[in-house]
Amino acid sequence: LYILLADGIFEGQSIGKKIFGIRVVHLPTRSPGRKRDSTLRNAPLALP
């Protein structure tokens, strides 16, 4: 659950991304990534 939802915890930032100052952006809306966006983009990484 953390891997899937991480990038939507802090408005497009996981704990690691917040530490390193980077962010996930949803391109069609130019807005910070949400939990839905985080789940879609991290689904391959959660499979293992």
All heavy atoms as atom14 arrays in JSON, in Angstrom:
{
  "sequence": "LYILLADGIFEGQSIGKKIFGIRVVHLPTRSPGRKRDSTLRNAPLALP",
  "atom14_mask": [
    [1, 1, 1, 1, 1, 1, 1, 1, 0, 0, 0, 0, 0, 0],
    [1, 1, 1, 1, 1, 1, 1, 1, 1, 1, 1, 1, 0, 0],
    [1, 1, 1, 1, 1, 1, 1, 1, 0, 0, 0, 0, 0, 0],
    [1, 1, 1, 1, 1, 1, 1, 1, 0, 0, 0, 0, 0, 0],
    [1, 1, 1, 1, 1, 1, 1, 1, 0, 0, 0, 0, 0, 0],
    [1, 1, 1, 1, 1, 0, 0, 0, 0, 0, 0, 0, 0, 0],
    [1, 1, 1, 1, 1, 1, 1, 1, 0, 0, 0, 0, 0, 0],
    [1, 1, 1, 1, 0, 0, 0, 0, 0, 0, 0, 0, 0, 0],
    [1, 1, 1, 1, 1, 1, 1, 1, 0, 0, 0, 0, 0, 0],
    [1, 1, 1, 1, 1, 1, 1, 1, 1, 1, 1, 0, 0, 0],
    [1, 1, 1, 1, 1, 1, 1, 1, 1, 0, 0, 0, 0, 0],
    [1, 1, 1, 1, 0, 0, 0, 0, 0, 0, 0, 0, 0, 0],
    [1, 1, 1, 1, 1, 1, 1, 1, 1, 0, 0, 0, 0, 0],
    [1, 1, 1, 1, 1, 1, 0, 0, 0, 0, 0, 0, 0, 0],
    [1, 1, 1, 1, 1, 1, 1, 1, 0, 0, 0, 0, 0, 0],
    [1, 1, 1, 1, 0, 0, 0, 0, 0, 0, 0, 0, 0, 0],
    [1, 1, 1, 1, 1, 1, 1, 1, 1, 0, 0, 0, 0, 0],
    [1, 1, 1, 1, 1, 1, 1, 1, 1, 0, 0, 0, 0, 0],
    [1, 1, 1, 1, 1, 1, 1, 1, 0, 0, 0, 0, 0, 0],
    [1, 1, 1, 1, 1, 1, 1, 1, 1, 1, 1, 0, 0, 0],
    [1, 1, 1, 1, 0, 0, 0, 0, 0, 0, 0, 0, 0, 0],
    [1, 1, 1, 1, 1, 1, 1, 1, 0, 0, 0, 0, 0, 0],
    [1, 1, 1, 1, 1, 1, 1, 1, 1, 1, 1, 0, 0, 0],
    [1, 1, 1, 1, 1, 1, 1, 0, 0, 0, 0, 0, 0, 0],
    [1, 1, 1, 1, 1, 1, 1, 0, 0, 0, 0, 0, 0, 0],
    [1, 1, 1, 1, 1, 1, 1, 1, 1, 1, 0, 0, 0, 0],
    [1, 1, 1, 1, 1, 1, 1, 1, 0, 0, 0, 0, 0, 0],
    [1, 1, 1, 1, 1, 1, 1, 0, 0, 0, 0, 0, 0, 0],
    [1, 1, 1, 1, 1, 1, 1, 0, 0, 0, 0, 0, 0, 0],
    [1, 1, 1, 1, 1, 1, 1, 1, 1, 1, 1, 0, 0, 0],
    [1, 1, 1, 1, 1, 1, 0, 0, 0, 0, 0, 0, 0, 0],
    [1, 1, 1, 1, 1, 1, 1, 0, 0, 0, 0, 0, 0, 0],
    [1, 1, 1, 1, 0, 0, 0, 0, 0, 0, 0, 0, 0, 0],
    [1, 1, 1, 1, 1, 1, 1, 1, 1, 1, 1, 0, 0, 0],
    [1, 1, 1, 1, 1, 1, 1, 1, 1, 0, 0, 0, 0, 0],
    [1, 1, 1, 1, 1, 1, 1, 1, 1, 1, 1, 0, 0, 0],
    [1, 1, 1, 1, 1, 1, 1, 1, 0, 0, 0, 0, 0, 0],
    [1, 1, 1, 1, 1, 1, 0, 0, 0, 0, 0, 0, 0, 0],
    [1, 1, 1, 1, 1, 1, 1, 0, 0, 0, 0, 0, 0, 0],
    [1, 1, 1, 1, 1, 1, 1, 1, 0, 0, 0, 0, 0, 0],
    [1, 1, 1, 1, 1, 1, 1, 1, 1, 1, 1, 0, 0, 0],
    [1, 1, 1, 1, 1, 1, 1, 1, 0, 0, 0, 0, 0, 0],
    [1, 1, 1, 1, 1, 0, 0, 0, 0, 0, 0, 0, 0, 0],
    [1, 1, 1, 1, 1, 1, 1, 0, 0, 0, 0, 0, 0, 0],
    [1, 1, 1, 1, 1, 1, 1, 1, 0, 0, 0, 0, 0, 0],
    [1, 1, 1, 1, 1, 0, 0, 0, 0, 0, 0, 0, 0, 0],
    [1, 1, 1, 1, 1, 1, 1, 1, 0, 0, 0, 0, 0, 0],
    [1, 1, 1, 1, 1, 1, 1, 0, 0, 0, 0, 0, 0, 0]
  ],
  "atom14_positions": [
    [[0.83, -1.2, 0.0], [0.0, 0.0, 0.0], [0.86, 1.25, 0.0], [0.53, 2.24, -0.68], [-0.93, 0.0, 1.21], [-2.08, -1.01, 1.18], [-2.87, -0.96, 2.48], [-2.99, -0.74, -0.01], [0.0, 0.0, 0.0], [0.0, 0.0, 0.0], [0.0, 0.0, 0.0], [0.0, 0.0, 0.0], [0.0, 0.0, 0.0], [0.0, 0.0, 0.0]],
    [[1.97, 1.23, 0.72], [2.84, 2.41, 0.73], [3.44, 2.64, -0.66], [3.45, 3.78, -1.16], [3.97, 2.25, 1.74], [4.96, 3.39, 1.66], [4.64, 4.64, 2.2], [6.17, 3.25, 1.0], [5.52, 5.71, 2.09], [7.05, 4.31, 0.87], [6.72, 5.54, 1.43], [7.59, 6.6, 1.29], [0.0, 0.0, 0.0], [0.0, 0.0, 0.0]],
    [[3.93, 1.57, -1.3], [4.52, 1.72, -2.63], [3.48, 2.28, -3.61], [3.77, 3.17, -4.43], [5.07, 0.38, -3.15], [6.28, -0.04, -2.32], [5.45, 0.48, -4.62], [7.48, 0.88, -2.45], [0.0, 0.0, 0.0], [0.0, 0.0, 0.0], [0.0, 0.0, 0.0], [0.0, 0.0, 0.0], [0.0, 0.0, 0.0], [0.0, 0.0, 0.0]],
    [[2.25, 1.78, -3.53], [1.22, 2.22, -4.47], [0.82, 3.67, -4.24], [0.65, 4.44, -5.18], [-0.01, 1.32, -4.35], [0.13, -0.1, -4.9], [-1.12, -0.9, -4.58], [0.39, -0.1, -6.4], [0.0, 0.0, 0.0], [0.0, 0.0, 0.0], [0.0, 0.0, 0.0], [0.0, 0.0, 0.0], [0.0, 0.0, 0.0], [0.0, 0.0, 0.0]],
    [[0.64, 4.07, -2.99], [0.06, 5.38, -2.67], [1.1, 6.44, -2.33], [0.75, 7.6, -2.09], [-0.91, 5.25, -1.49], [-2.05, 4.25, -1.67], [-2.85, 4.13, -0.37], [-2.96, 4.67, -2.81], [0.0, 0.0, 0.0], [0.0, 0.0, 0.0], [0.0, 0.0, 0.0], [0.0, 0.0, 0.0], [0.0, 0.0, 0.0], [0.0, 0.0, 0.0]],
    [[2.38, 6.07, -2.32], [3.42, 6.96, -1.78], [3.46, 8.33, -2.45], [3.57, 9.36, -1.79], [4.79, 6.28, -1.89], [0.0, 0.0, 0.0], [0.0, 0.0, 0.0], [0.0, 0.0, 0.0], [0.0, 0.0, 0.0], [0.0, 0.0, 0.0], [0.0, 0.0, 0.0], [0.0, 0.0, 0.0], [0.0, 0.0, 0.0], [0.0, 0.0, 0.0]],
    [[3.35, 8.35, -3.78], [3.52, 9.61, -4.51], [2.32, 10.55, -4.37], [2.36, 11.66, -4.91], [3.77, 9.34, -5.99], [5.11, 8.67, -6.21], [6.01, 8.86, -5.38], [5.26, 7.93, -7.21], [0.0, 0.0, 0.0], [0.0, 0.0, 0.0], [0.0, 0.0, 0.0], [0.0, 0.0, 0.0], [0.0, 0.0, 0.0], [0.0, 0.0, 0.0]],
    [[1.28, 10.14, -3.67], [0.15, 11.02, -3.43], [0.0, 11.44, -1.98], [-0.99, 12.06, -1.61], [0.0, 0.0, 0.0], [0.0, 0.0, 0.0], [0.0, 0.0, 0.0], [0.0, 0.0, 0.0], [0.0, 0.0, 0.0], [0.0, 0.0, 0.0], [0.0, 0.0, 0.0], [0.0, 0.0, 0.0], [0.0, 0.0, 0.0], [0.0, 0.0, 0.0]],
    [[0.99, 11.12, -1.15], [0.88, 11.43, 0.28], [1.02, 12.92, 0.53], [0.19, 13.54, 1.21], [1.94, 10.65, 1.07], [1.67, 9.14, 0.98], [1.94, 11.08, 2.54], [2.71, 8.29, 1.67], [0.0, 0.0, 0.0], [0.0, 0.0, 0.0], [0.0, 0.0, 0.0], [0.0, 0.0, 0.0], [0.0, 0.0, 0.0], [0.0, 0.0, 0.0]],
    [[2.06, 13.53, -0.01], [2.34, 14.96, 0.23], [2.17, 15.76, -1.06], [3.12, 16.39, -1.54], [3.75, 15.15, 0.78], [4.02, 14.41, 2.05], [4.88, 13.31, 2.06], [3.42, 14.77, 3.24], [5.14, 12.61, 3.22], [3.68, 14.08, 4.41], [4.54, 12.99, 4.4], [0.0, 0.0, 0.0], [0.0, 0.0, 0.0], [0.0, 0.0, 0.0]],
    [[1.0, 15.72, -1.69], [0.73, 16.47, -2.92], [1.78, 16.19, -3.98], [2.53, 17.07, -4.41], [0.66, 17.98, -2.62], [-0.51, 18.37, -1.75], [-0.64, 19.88, -1.62], [0.26, 20.59, -2.12], [-1.64, 20.34, -1.04], [0.0, 0.0, 0.0], [0.0, 0.0, 0.0], [0.0, 0.0, 0.0], [0.0, 0.0, 0.0], [0.0, 0.0, 0.0]],
    [[1.81, 14.95, -4.43], [2.74, 14.57, -5.47], [4.1, 14.13, -4.97], [5.0, 13.9, -5.78], [0.0, 0.0, 0.0], [0.0, 0.0, 0.0], [0.0, 0.0, 0.0], [0.0, 0.0, 0.0], [0.0, 0.0, 0.0], [0.0, 0.0, 0.0], [0.0, 0.0, 0.0], [0.0, 0.0, 0.0], [0.0, 0.0, 0.0], [0.0, 0.0, 0.0]],
    [[4.26, 14.0, -3.66], [5.55, 13.63, -3.09], [5.39, 12.47, -2.12], [4.49, 12.47, -1.27], [6.18, 14.82, -2.36], [6.65, 15.94, -3.26], [7.26, 17.08, -2.46], [6.64, 17.6, -1.54], [8.46, 17.47, -2.83], [0.0, 0.0, 0.0], [0.0, 0.0, 0.0], [0.0, 0.0, 0.0], [0.0, 0.0, 0.0], [0.0, 0.0, 0.0]],
    [[6.27, 11.5, -2.26], [6.42, 10.46, -1.25], [7.4, 10.97, -0.19], [7.89, 12.1, -0.27], [6.94, 9.18, -1.9], [8.23, 9.44, -2.46], [0.0, 0.0, 0.0], [0.0, 0.0, 0.0], [0.0, 0.0, 0.0], [0.0, 0.0, 0.0], [0.0, 0.0, 0.0], [0.0, 0.0, 0.0], [0.0, 0.0, 0.0], [0.0, 0.0, 0.0]],
    [[7.69, 10.13, 0.79], [8.68, 10.53, 1.79], [10.03, 10.77, 1.13], [10.72, 11.77, 1.4], [8.78, 9.45, 2.89], [7.47, 9.4, 3.68], [9.96, 9.74, 3.82], [7.43, 8.29, 4.72], [0.0, 0.0, 0.0], [0.0, 0.0, 0.0], [0.0, 0.0, 0.0], [0.0, 0.0, 0.0], [0.0, 0.0, 0.0], [0.0, 0.0, 0.0]],
    [[10.45, 9.86, 0.24], [11.72, 10.02, -0.44], [11.75, 11.24, -1.35], [12.74, 11.99, -1.39], [0.0, 0.0, 0.0], [0.0, 0.0, 0.0], [0.0, 0.0, 0.0], [0.0, 0.0, 0.0], [0.0, 0.0, 0.0], [0.0, 0.0, 0.0], [0.0, 0.0, 0.0], [0.0, 0.0, 0.0], [0.0, 0.0, 0.0], [0.0, 0.0, 0.0]],
    [[10.68, 11.46, -2.1], [10.64, 12.62, -2.99], [10.61, 13.93, -2.21], [11.16, 14.94, -2.68], [9.42, 12.51, -3.92], [9.57, 11.45, -5.01], [8.37, 11.42, -5.92], [8.58, 10.47, -7.09], [8.8, 9.07, -6.64], [0.0, 0.0, 0.0], [0.0, 0.0, 0.0], [0.0, 0.0, 0.0], [0.0, 0.0, 0.0], [0.0, 0.0, 0.0]],
    [[9.97, 13.93, -1.07], [9.95, 15.15, -0.25], [11.35, 15.45, 0.29], [11.77, 16.6, 0.36], [8.96, 14.99, 0.91], [8.63, 16.3, 1.6], [7.48, 16.12, 2.57], [7.05, 17.45, 3.18], [6.53, 18.38, 2.17], [0.0, 0.0, 0.0], [0.0, 0.0, 0.0], [0.0, 0.0, 0.0], [0.0, 0.0, 0.0], [0.0, 0.0, 0.0]],
    [[12.09, 14.41, 0.65], [13.47, 14.6, 1.14], [14.36, 15.18, 0.05], [15.16, 16.09, 0.29], [14.03, 13.27, 1.66], [13.27, 12.82, 2.92], [15.53, 13.4, 1.96], [13.65, 11.44, 3.41], [0.0, 0.0, 0.0], [0.0, 0.0, 0.0], [0.0, 0.0, 0.0], [0.0, 0.0, 0.0], [0.0, 0.0, 0.0], [0.0, 0.0, 0.0]],
    [[14.2, 14.67, -1.18], [15.09, 15.08, -2.27], [14.51, 16.21, -3.13], [15.12, 16.6, -4.12], [15.41, 13.87, -3.15], [16.39, 12.92, -2.52], [15.95, 11.91, -1.67], [17.74, 13.04, -2.76], [16.85, 11.04, -1.07], [18.66, 12.18, -2.17], [18.2, 11.17, -1.31], [0.0, 0.0, 0.0], [0.0, 0.0, 0.0], [0.0, 0.0, 0.0]],
    [[13.35, 16.74, -2.76], [12.84, 17.94, -3.42], [12.31, 17.74, -4.82], [12.37, 18.65, -5.64], [0.0, 0.0, 0.0], [0.0, 0.0, 0.0], [0.0, 0.0, 0.0], [0.0, 0.0, 0.0], [0.0, 0.0, 0.0], [0.0, 0.0, 0.0], [0.0, 0.0, 0.0], [0.0, 0.0, 0.0], [0.0, 0.0, 0.0], [0.0, 0.0, 0.0]],
    [[11.78, 16.55, -5.12], [11.18, 16.31, -6.43], [9.71, 15.98, -6.25], [9.26, 15.71, -5.14], [11.91, 15.19, -7.21], [11.87, 13.88, -6.43], [13.34, 15.61, -7.49], [12.56, 12.73, -7.14], [0.0, 0.0, 0.0], [0.0, 0.0, 0.0], [0.0, 0.0, 0.0], [0.0, 0.0, 0.0], [0.0, 0.0, 0.0], [0.0, 0.0, 0.0]],
    [[8.96, 15.97, -7.35], [7.5, 15.86, -7.25], [6.94, 15.18, -8.5], [7.49, 15.31, -9.59], [6.89, 17.26, -7.1], [5.39, 17.3, -6.89], [4.9, 18.74, -6.86], [5.53, 19.52, -5.83], [5.08, 19.58, -4.58], [4.0, 18.92, -4.22], [5.7, 20.33, -3.68], [0.0, 0.0, 0.0], [0.0, 0.0, 0.0], [0.0, 0.0, 0.0]],
    [[5.82, 14.48, -8.32], [5.09, 13.89, -9.44], [3.99, 14.86, -9.86], [3.23, 15.36, -9.02], [4.46, 12.53, -9.05], [3.56, 12.02, -10.16], [5.56, 11.52, -8.75], [0.0, 0.0, 0.0], [0.0, 0.0, 0.0], [0.0, 0.0, 0.0], [0.0, 0.0, 0.0], [0.0, 0.0, 0.0], [0.0, 0.0, 0.0], [0.0, 0.0, 0.0]],
    [[3.91, 15.14, -11.15], [2.92, 16.08, -11.69], [2.04, 15.33, -12.68], [2.54, 14.58, -13.54], [3.6, 17.27, -12.39], [2.56, 18.17, -13.07], [4.4, 18.08, -11.38], [0.0, 0.0, 0.0], [0.0, 0.0, 0.0], [0.0, 0.0, 0.0], [0.0, 0.0, 0.0], [0.0, 0.0, 0.0], [0.0, 0.0, 0.0], [0.0, 0.0, 0.0]],
    [[0.73, 15.53, -12.57], [-0.22, 14.99, -13.54], [-0.26, 15.95, -14.72], [-0.73, 17.08, -14.61], [-1.61, 14.86, -12.91], [-2.62, 14.21, -13.79], [-3.79, 14.84, -14.18], [-2.62, 13.0, -14.39], [-4.48, 14.04, -14.95], [-3.8, 12.91, -15.1], [0.0, 0.0, 0.0], [0.0, 0.0, 0.0], [0.0, 0.0, 0.0], [0.0, 0.0, 0.0]],
    [[0.25, 15.53, -15.87], [0.48, 16.42, -17.0], [-0.8, 17.04, -17.59], [-0.8, 18.23, -17.91], [1.27, 15.7, -18.09], [2.71, 15.33, -17.7], [3.36, 14.53, -18.81], [3.51, 16.59, -17.39], [0.0, 0.0, 0.0], [0.0, 0.0, 0.0], [0.0, 0.0, 0.0], [0.0, 0.0, 0.0], [0.0, 0.0, 0.0], [0.0, 0.0, 0.0]],
    [[-1.89, 16.29, -17.78], [-3.07, 16.94, -18.38], [-3.62, 18.1, -17.57], [-4.16, 19.05, -18.13], [-4.1, 15.79, -18.45], [-3.27, 14.56, -18.51], [-2.08, 14.84, -17.65], [0.0, 0.0, 0.0], [0.0, 0.0, 0.0], [0.0, 0.0, 0.0], [0.0, 0.0, 0.0], [0.0, 0.0, 0.0], [0.0, 0.0, 0.0], [0.0, 0.0, 0.0]],
    [[-3.48, 18.04, -16.24], [-4.03, 19.11, -15.39], [-2.94, 20.01, -14.8], [-3.27, 21.01, -14.16], [-4.84, 18.5, -14.24], [-4.0, 17.64, -13.46], [-6.02, 17.7, -14.78], [0.0, 0.0, 0.0], [0.0, 0.0, 0.0], [0.0, 0.0, 0.0], [0.0, 0.0, 0.0], [0.0, 0.0, 0.0], [0.0, 0.0, 0.0], [0.0, 0.0, 0.0]],
    [[-1.66, 19.65, -15.02], [-0.54, 20.42, -14.44], [-0.67, 20.53, -12.92], [-0.27, 21.53, -12.32], [-0.45, 21.83, -15.04], [-0.39, 21.9, -16.54], [0.93, 21.38, -17.08], [1.11, 21.76, -18.47], [0.76, 21.01, -19.5], [0.17, 19.85, -19.28], [0.97, 21.4, -20.74], [0.0, 0.0, 0.0], [0.0, 0.0, 0.0], [0.0, 0.0, 0.0]],
    [[-1.2, 19.51, -12.27], [-1.42, 19.53, -10.83], [-0.58, 18.43, -10.17], [-0.17, 17.47, -10.84], [-2.9, 19.31, -10.52], [-3.34, 18.06, -11.01], [0.0, 0.0, 0.0], [0.0, 0.0, 0.0], [0.0, 0.0, 0.0], [0.0, 0.0, 0.0], [0.0, 0.0, 0.0], [0.0, 0.0, 0.0], [0.0, 0.0, 0.0], [0.0, 0.0, 0.0]],
    [[-0.31, 18.56, -8.86], [0.44, 17.5, -8.17], [-0.28, 16.16, -8.27], [-1.51, 16.09, -8.31], [0.49, 18.0, -6.72], [0.31, 19.48, -6.81], [-0.6, 19.71, -7.98], [0.0, 0.0, 0.0], [0.0, 0.0, 0.0], [0.0, 0.0, 0.0], [0.0, 0.0, 0.0], [0.0, 0.0, 0.0], [0.0, 0.0, 0.0], [0.0, 0.0, 0.0]],
    [[0.51, 15.1, -8.32], [-0.06, 13.77, -8.43], [-0.94, 13.41, -7.25], [-0.63, 13.73, -6.1], [0.0, 0.0, 0.0], [0.0, 0.0, 0.0], [0.0, 0.0, 0.0], [0.0, 0.0, 0.0], [0.0, 0.0, 0.0], [0.0, 0.0, 0.0], [0.0, 0.0, 0.0], [0.0, 0.0, 0.0], [0.0, 0.0, 0.0], [0.0, 0.0, 0.0]],
    [[-2.03, 12.73, -7.54], [-2.95, 12.28, -6.49], [-2.68, 10.8, -6.21], [-1.85, 10.17, -6.84], [-4.4, 12.48, -6.93], [-4.74, 13.93, -7.28], [-6.03, 13.98, -8.08], [-5.89, 13.26, -9.36], [-6.87, 13.07, -10.22], [-8.08, 13.53, -9.95], [-6.66, 12.41, -11.35], [0.0, 0.0, 0.0], [0.0, 0.0, 0.0], [0.0, 0.0, 0.0]],
    [[-3.41, 10.26, -5.24], [-3.23, 8.85, -4.88], [-3.6, 7.94, -6.05], [-3.0, 6.88, -6.23], [-4.04, 8.52, -3.63], [-3.52, 9.2, -2.37], [-4.33, 8.82, -1.16], [-3.74, 9.43, 0.11], [-3.71, 10.89, 0.07], [0.0, 0.0, 0.0], [0.0, 0.0, 0.0], [0.0, 0.0, 0.0], [0.0, 0.0, 0.0], [0.0, 0.0, 0.0]],
    [[-4.59, 8.33, -6.83], [-4.95, 7.54, -8.01], [-3.8, 7.52, -9.01], [-3.45, 6.46, -9.55], [-6.2, 8.12, -8.67], [-6.56, 7.48, -10.0], [-7.75, 8.17, -10.64], [-8.04, 7.64, -11.97], [-7.43, 8.02, -13.07], [-6.48, 8.96, -13.01], [-7.74, 7.48, -14.23], [0.0, 0.0, 0.0], [0.0, 0.0, 0.0], [0.0, 0.0, 0.0]],
    [[-3.19, 8.68, -9.27], [-2.05, 8.74, -10.18], [-0.88, 7.93, -9.64], [-0.19, 7.24, -10.4], [-1.62, 10.2, -10.39], [-2.78, 11.09, -10.82], [-3.6, 10.62, -11.62], [-2.85, 12.24, -10.34], [0.0, 0.0, 0.0], [0.0, 0.0, 0.0], [0.0, 0.0, 0.0], [0.0, 0.0, 0.0], [0.0, 0.0, 0.0], [0.0, 0.0, 0.0]],
    [[-0.66, 8.03, -8.32], [0.42, 7.26, -7.71], [0.2, 5.77, -7.86], [1.14, 5.01, -8.15], [0.52, 7.63, -6.22], [1.51, 6.86, -5.57], [0.0, 0.0, 0.0], [0.0, 0.0, 0.0], [0.0, 0.0, 0.0], [0.0, 0.0, 0.0], [0.0, 0.0, 0.0], [0.0, 0.0, 0.0], [0.0, 0.0, 0.0], [0.0, 0.0, 0.0]],
    [[-1.05, 5.32, -7.67], [-1.34, 3.89, -7.81], [-1.07, 3.4, -9.23], [-0.48, 2.32, -9.42], [-2.8, 3.62, -7.44], [-3.03, 4.05, -6.09], [-3.13, 2.14, -7.54], [0.0, 0.0, 0.0], [0.0, 0.0, 0.0], [0.0, 0.0, 0.0], [0.0, 0.0, 0.0], [0.0, 0.0, 0.0], [0.0, 0.0, 0.0], [0.0, 0.0, 0.0]],
    [[-1.46, 4.18, -10.22], [-1.24, 3.77, -11.62], [0.24, 3.71, -11.96], [0.71, 2.75, -12.58], [-1.96, 4.74, -12.56], [-3.49, 4.65, -12.6], [-4.06, 5.76, -13.48], [-3.92, 3.29, -13.12], [0.0, 0.0, 0.0], [0.0, 0.0, 0.0], [0.0, 0.0, 0.0], [0.0, 0.0, 0.0], [0.0, 0.0, 0.0], [0.0, 0.0, 0.0]],
    [[1.0, 4.74, -11.55], [2.39, 4.79, -11.97], [3.27, 3.82, -11.18], [4.33, 3.41, -11.66], [2.94, 6.22, -11.87], [3.22, 6.73, -10.47], [3.74, 8.16, -10.51], [4.94, 8.27, -11.34], [6.17, 8.11, -10.86], [6.38, 7.81, -9.6], [7.21, 8.24, -11.66], [0.0, 0.0, 0.0], [0.0, 0.0, 0.0], [0.0, 0.0, 0.0]],
    [[2.86, 3.44, -9.97], [3.68, 2.56, -9.15], [3.2, 1.11, -9.15], [3.8, 0.27, -8.47], [3.71, 3.07, -7.7], [4.49, 4.35, -7.56], [5.49, 4.56, -8.26], [4.06, 5.22, -6.68], [0.0, 0.0, 0.0], [0.0, 0.0, 0.0], [0.0, 0.0, 0.0], [0.0, 0.0, 0.0], [0.0, 0.0, 0.0], [0.0, 0.0, 0.0]],
    [[2.14, 0.81, -9.92], [1.65, -0.56, -9.97], [2.73, -1.56, -10.43], [2.85, -2.64, -9.84], [0.42, -0.63, -10.88], [0.0, 0.0, 0.0], [0.0, 0.0, 0.0], [0.0, 0.0, 0.0], [0.0, 0.0, 0.0], [0.0, 0.0, 0.0], [0.0, 0.0, 0.0], [0.0, 0.0, 0.0], [0.0, 0.0, 0.0], [0.0, 0.0, 0.0]],
    [[3.55, -1.24, -11.45], [4.59, -2.21, -11.83], [5.6, -2.47, -10.71], [6.09, -3.59, -10.58], [5.27, -1.54, -13.04], [4.26, -0.59, -13.57], [3.52, -0.08, -12.38], [0.0, 0.0, 0.0], [0.0, 0.0, 0.0], [0.0, 0.0, 0.0], [0.0, 0.0, 0.0], [0.0, 0.0, 0.0], [0.0, 0.0, 0.0], [0.0, 0.0, 0.0]],
    [[5.89, -1.43, -9.9], [6.89, -1.6, -8.84], [6.34, -2.39, -7.67], [7.11, -2.97, -6.89], [7.36, -0.22, -8.36], [7.93, 0.71, -9.45], [8.37, 2.03, -8.85], [9.1, 0.02, -10.16], [0.0, 0.0, 0.0], [0.0, 0.0, 0.0], [0.0, 0.0, 0.0], [0.0, 0.0, 0.0], [0.0, 0.0, 0.0], [0.0, 0.0, 0.0]],
    [[5.03, -2.4, -7.49], [4.42, -3.14, -6.39], [4.23, -4.62, -6.72], [4.0, -5.44, -5.82], [3.08, -2.52, -6.01], [0.0, 0.0, 0.0], [0.0, 0.0, 0.0], [0.0, 0.0, 0.0], [0.0, 0.0, 0.0], [0.0, 0.0, 0.0], [0.0, 0.0, 0.0], [0.0, 0.0, 0.0], [0.0, 0.0, 0.0], [0.0, 0.0, 0.0]],
    [[4.33, -4.97, -8.0], [4.1, -6.35, -8.4], [5.07, -7.33, -7.75], [4.65, -8.42, -7.3], [4.18, -6.46, -9.93], [3.96, -7.86, -10.51], [2.58, -8.39, -10.11], [4.1, -7.83, -12.03], [0.0, 0.0, 0.0], [0.0, 0.0, 0.0], [0.0, 0.0, 0.0], [0.0, 0.0, 0.0], [0.0, 0.0, 0.0], [0.0, 0.0, 0.0]],
    [[6.39, -7.05, -7.64], [7.27, -8.0, -6.96], [6.87, -8.28, -5.51], [7.04, -9.41, -5.03], [8.65, -7.31, -7.03], [8.57, -6.44, -8.24], [7.15, -5.95, -8.26], [0.0, 0.0, 0.0], [0.0, 0.0, 0.0], [0.0, 0.0, 0.0], [0.0, 0.0, 0.0], [0.0, 0.0, 0.0], [0.0, 0.0, 0.0], [0.0, 0.0, 0.0]]
  ]
}
